[in-house]
Amino acid sequence: MTDQNDWYRVLSLARSNAAKDLTISNSILDISDALVAAQKDGNLTEQEVSEISNQLIQKALDLAENSKEINFAITKLVGAI
């Protein structure tokens, strides 16, 4: 029989990760939308486009790292149950 606290920890961790993923994903969408709009308006230099693109890449890497962390934590918790 598994301890109910272990399942609660897994669910809490999954919920926390989902919220973090959503925050990062929304940030990616906001930056992408702003970049496309500014590019269409001609308000950005190539340097600015490059800098914003680098921000997008970093956010995508953050999202990937967050996913790795949650996978590891859940695997560890499930293995202990």
N, C-alpha and C. Protein backbone atom coordinates (compact mmCIF):
# COMPACT_ATOMS: atom_id res chain seq x y z
N MET A 1 0.85 -1.18 0.00
CA MET A 1 0.00 0.00 0.00
C MET A 1 0.89 1.24 0.00
N THR A 2 0.56 2.20 -0.80
CA THR A 2 1.36 3.41 -0.89
C THR A 2 0.90 4.44 0.13
N ASP A 3 1.83 5.27 0.51
CA ASP A 3 1.54 6.33 1.45
C ASP A 3 0.83 7.47 0.72
N GLN A 4 -0.27 7.93 1.28
CA GLN A 4 -1.05 8.99 0.63
C GLN A 4 -0.23 10.28 0.49
N ASN A 5 0.70 10.51 1.40
CA ASN A 5 1.54 11.71 1.33
C ASN A 5 2.44 11.68 0.09
N ASP A 6 2.90 10.47 -0.29
CA ASP A 6 3.72 10.35 -1.50
C ASP A 6 2.94 10.77 -2.74
N TRP A 7 1.69 10.31 -2.83
CA TRP A 7 0.86 10.68 -3.98
C TRP A 7 0.57 12.17 -3.97
N TYR A 8 0.34 12.71 -2.79
CA TYR A 8 0.10 14.15 -2.69
C TYR A 8 1.32 14.94 -3.16
N ARG A 9 2.50 14.47 -2.80
CA ARG A 9 3.74 15.14 -3.24
C ARG A 9 3.88 15.08 -4.75
N VAL A 10 3.55 13.92 -5.34
CA VAL A 10 3.63 13.78 -6.81
C VAL A 10 2.64 14.73 -7.48
N LEU A 11 1.41 14.77 -6.98
CA LEU A 11 0.40 15.65 -7.57
C LEU A 11 0.76 17.12 -7.39
N SER A 12 1.27 17.47 -6.23
CA SER A 12 1.68 18.86 -5.99
C SER A 12 2.82 19.26 -6.91
N LEU A 13 3.77 18.36 -7.07
CA LEU A 13 4.90 18.62 -7.95
C LEU A 13 4.44 18.77 -9.40
N ALA A 14 3.53 17.91 -9.84
CA ALA A 14 3.01 17.99 -11.21
C ALA A 14 2.26 19.30 -11.42
N ARG A 15 1.47 19.70 -10.44
CA ARG A 15 0.70 20.95 -10.54
C ARG A 15 1.64 22.16 -10.61
N SER A 16 2.63 22.15 -9.74
CA SER A 16 3.60 23.25 -9.71
C SER A 16 4.34 23.34 -11.05
N ASN A 17 4.73 22.19 -11.58
CA ASN A 17 5.43 22.17 -12.86
C ASN A 17 4.54 22.66 -13.99
N ALA A 18 3.28 22.25 -13.98
CA ALA A 18 2.35 22.68 -15.03
C ALA A 18 2.19 24.20 -15.00
N ALA A 19 2.11 24.77 -13.81
CA ALA A 19 1.98 26.22 -13.69
C ALA A 19 3.23 26.91 -14.21
N LYS A 20 4.39 26.35 -13.87
CA LYS A 20 5.66 26.94 -14.34
C LYS A 20 5.77 26.82 -15.86
N ASP A 21 5.40 25.66 -16.41
CA ASP A 21 5.42 25.46 -17.86
C ASP A 21 4.50 26.46 -18.56
N LEU A 22 3.32 26.66 -17.98
CA LEU A 22 2.37 27.59 -18.57
C LEU A 22 2.91 29.01 -18.56
N THR A 23 3.55 29.39 -17.48
CA THR A 23 4.14 30.73 -17.38
C THR A 23 5.22 30.93 -18.45
N ILE A 24 6.10 29.94 -18.58
CA ILE A 24 7.17 30.03 -19.58
C ILE A 24 6.58 30.03 -20.99
N SER A 25 5.60 29.17 -21.23
CA SER A 25 4.97 29.10 -22.55
C SER A 25 4.29 30.41 -22.91
N ASN A 26 3.60 31.00 -21.95
CA ASN A 26 2.96 32.31 -22.20
C ASN A 26 3.99 33.39 -22.50
N SER A 27 5.11 33.32 -21.82
CA SER A 27 6.19 34.27 -22.08
C SER A 27 6.72 34.11 -23.50
N ILE A 28 6.87 32.87 -23.94
CA ILE A 28 7.31 32.61 -25.31
C ILE A 28 6.31 33.19 -26.31
N LEU A 29 5.03 32.96 -26.06
CA LEU A 29 3.99 33.49 -26.96
C LEU A 29 4.01 35.02 -26.98
N ASP A 30 4.13 35.65 -25.83
CA ASP A 30 4.16 37.11 -25.76
C ASP A 30 5.35 37.69 -26.53
N ILE A 31 6.51 37.10 -26.32
CA ILE A 31 7.72 37.58 -27.01
C ILE A 31 7.58 37.37 -28.51
N SER A 32 7.07 36.21 -28.91
CA SER A 32 6.90 35.91 -30.34
C SER A 32 5.93 36.88 -31.00
N ASP A 33 4.80 37.12 -30.33
CA ASP A 33 3.81 38.05 -30.89
C ASP A 33 4.38 39.46 -31.02
N ALA A 34 5.10 39.90 -29.99
CA ALA A 34 5.70 41.24 -30.03
C ALA A 34 6.76 41.33 -31.12
N LEU A 35 7.52 40.29 -31.28
CA LEU A 35 8.56 40.27 -32.31
C LEU A 35 7.95 40.34 -33.71
N VAL A 36 6.93 39.54 -33.96
CA VAL A 36 6.28 39.55 -35.28
C VAL A 36 5.65 40.91 -35.56
N ALA A 37 4.95 41.47 -34.58
CA ALA A 37 4.30 42.78 -34.76
C ALA A 37 5.32 43.87 -35.02
N ALA A 38 6.38 43.89 -34.24
CA ALA A 38 7.40 44.92 -34.42
C ALA A 38 8.13 44.76 -35.74
N GLN A 39 8.37 43.53 -36.14
CA GLN A 39 9.03 43.27 -37.43
C GLN A 39 8.16 43.77 -38.58
N LYS A 40 6.86 43.51 -38.50
CA LYS A 40 5.95 43.96 -39.56
C LYS A 40 5.88 45.48 -39.63
N ASP A 41 5.93 46.13 -38.48
CA ASP A 41 5.87 47.60 -38.43
C ASP A 41 7.20 48.25 -38.81
N GLY A 42 8.24 47.43 -38.88
CA GLY A 42 9.56 47.98 -39.21
C GLY A 42 10.19 48.73 -38.05
N ASN A 43 9.77 48.41 -36.84
CA ASN A 43 10.26 49.10 -35.65
C ASN A 43 11.53 48.51 -35.06
N LEU A 44 12.00 47.42 -35.61
CA LEU A 44 13.17 46.75 -35.05
C LEU A 44 14.32 46.70 -36.03
N THR A 45 15.51 46.85 -35.48
CA THR A 45 16.71 46.65 -36.28
C THR A 45 17.03 45.16 -36.29
N GLU A 46 17.93 44.76 -37.15
CA GLU A 46 18.34 43.36 -37.19
C GLU A 46 18.96 42.95 -35.86
N GLN A 47 19.68 43.85 -35.22
CA GLN A 47 20.30 43.58 -33.92
C GLN A 47 19.21 43.31 -32.87
N GLU A 48 18.16 44.11 -32.87
CA GLU A 48 17.07 43.93 -31.91
C GLU A 48 16.34 42.61 -32.16
N VAL A 49 16.13 42.29 -33.43
CA VAL A 49 15.50 41.01 -33.76
C VAL A 49 16.36 39.86 -33.25
N SER A 50 17.66 39.97 -33.42
CA SER A 50 18.58 38.94 -32.95
C SER A 50 18.53 38.80 -31.43
N GLU A 51 18.50 39.91 -30.72
CA GLU A 51 18.45 39.88 -29.26
C GLU A 51 17.15 39.24 -28.76
N ILE A 52 16.04 39.61 -29.37
CA ILE A 52 14.75 39.04 -28.97
C ILE A 52 14.70 37.55 -29.31
N SER A 53 15.25 37.19 -30.44
CA SER A 53 15.31 35.77 -30.82
C SER A 53 16.12 34.98 -29.79
N ASN A 54 17.19 35.56 -29.30
CA ASN A 54 17.99 34.90 -28.27
C ASN A 54 17.19 34.72 -26.98
N GLN A 55 16.33 35.70 -26.66
CA GLN A 55 15.46 35.57 -25.49
C GLN A 55 14.49 34.41 -25.68
N LEU A 56 13.96 34.28 -26.89
CA LEU A 56 13.06 33.17 -27.18
C LEU A 56 13.76 31.82 -27.02
N ILE A 57 14.96 31.75 -27.51
CA ILE A 57 15.73 30.52 -27.40
C ILE A 57 15.96 30.18 -25.93
N GLN A 58 16.29 31.19 -25.12
CA GLN A 58 16.51 30.95 -23.69
C GLN A 58 15.24 30.47 -23.00
N LYS A 59 14.10 31.06 -23.35
CA LYS A 59 12.83 30.62 -22.76
C LYS A 59 12.52 29.18 -23.15
N ALA A 60 12.79 28.83 -24.38
CA ALA A 60 12.56 27.45 -24.83
C ALA A 60 13.48 26.49 -24.08
N LEU A 61 14.71 26.89 -23.84
CA LEU A 61 15.63 26.06 -23.07
C LEU A 61 15.15 25.94 -21.62
N ASP A 62 14.63 27.02 -21.06
CA ASP A 62 14.07 26.98 -19.70
C ASP A 62 12.92 25.99 -19.62
N LEU A 63 12.07 26.00 -20.63
CA LEU A 63 10.94 25.09 -20.68
C LEU A 63 11.42 23.64 -20.74
N ALA A 64 12.41 23.38 -21.57
CA ALA A 64 12.96 22.03 -21.70
C ALA A 64 13.60 21.58 -20.39
N GLU A 65 14.32 22.47 -19.73
CA GLU A 65 14.96 22.14 -18.47
C GLU A 65 13.92 21.84 -17.39
N ASN A 66 12.87 22.64 -17.36
CA ASN A 66 11.80 22.42 -16.39
C ASN A 66 11.16 21.05 -16.61
N SER A 67 10.98 20.67 -17.85
CA SER A 67 10.39 19.36 -18.15
C SER A 67 11.30 18.23 -17.70
N LYS A 68 12.61 18.40 -17.88
CA LYS A 68 13.55 17.37 -17.42
C LYS A 68 13.50 17.23 -15.91
N GLU A 69 13.43 18.37 -15.21
CA GLU A 69 13.39 18.35 -13.75
C GLU A 69 12.14 17.62 -13.24
N ILE A 70 11.00 17.90 -13.83
CA ILE A 70 9.77 17.26 -13.37
C ILE A 70 9.79 15.77 -13.68
N ASN A 71 10.30 15.39 -14.83
CA ASN A 71 10.39 13.96 -15.17
C ASN A 71 11.27 13.22 -14.18
N PHE A 72 12.40 13.81 -13.83
CA PHE A 72 13.30 13.19 -12.88
C PHE A 72 12.65 13.07 -11.51
N ALA A 73 12.02 14.15 -11.06
CA ALA A 73 11.40 14.14 -9.73
C ALA A 73 10.27 13.13 -9.64
N ILE A 74 9.43 13.07 -10.65
CA ILE A 74 8.32 12.13 -10.63
C ILE A 74 8.82 10.69 -10.71
N THR A 75 9.82 10.44 -11.54
CA THR A 75 10.40 9.11 -11.62
C THR A 75 10.96 8.68 -10.27
N LYS A 76 11.63 9.60 -9.61
CA LYS A 76 12.21 9.31 -8.30
C LYS A 76 11.11 9.03 -7.27
N LEU A 77 10.08 9.84 -7.27
CA LEU A 77 8.99 9.64 -6.31
C LEU A 77 8.22 8.36 -6.59
N VAL A 78 7.92 8.10 -7.85
CA VAL A 78 7.18 6.89 -8.20
C VAL A 78 8.00 5.66 -7.87
N GLY A 79 9.31 5.73 -8.07
CA GLY A 79 10.18 4.61 -7.73
C GLY A 79 10.20 4.32 -6.24
N ALA A 80 9.96 5.35 -5.45
CA ALA A 80 9.97 5.17 -3.99
C ALA A 80 8.64 4.65 -3.48
N ILE A 81 7.60 4.74 -4.31
CA ILE A 81 6.25 4.35 -3.85
C ILE A 81 6.04 2.86 -4.00
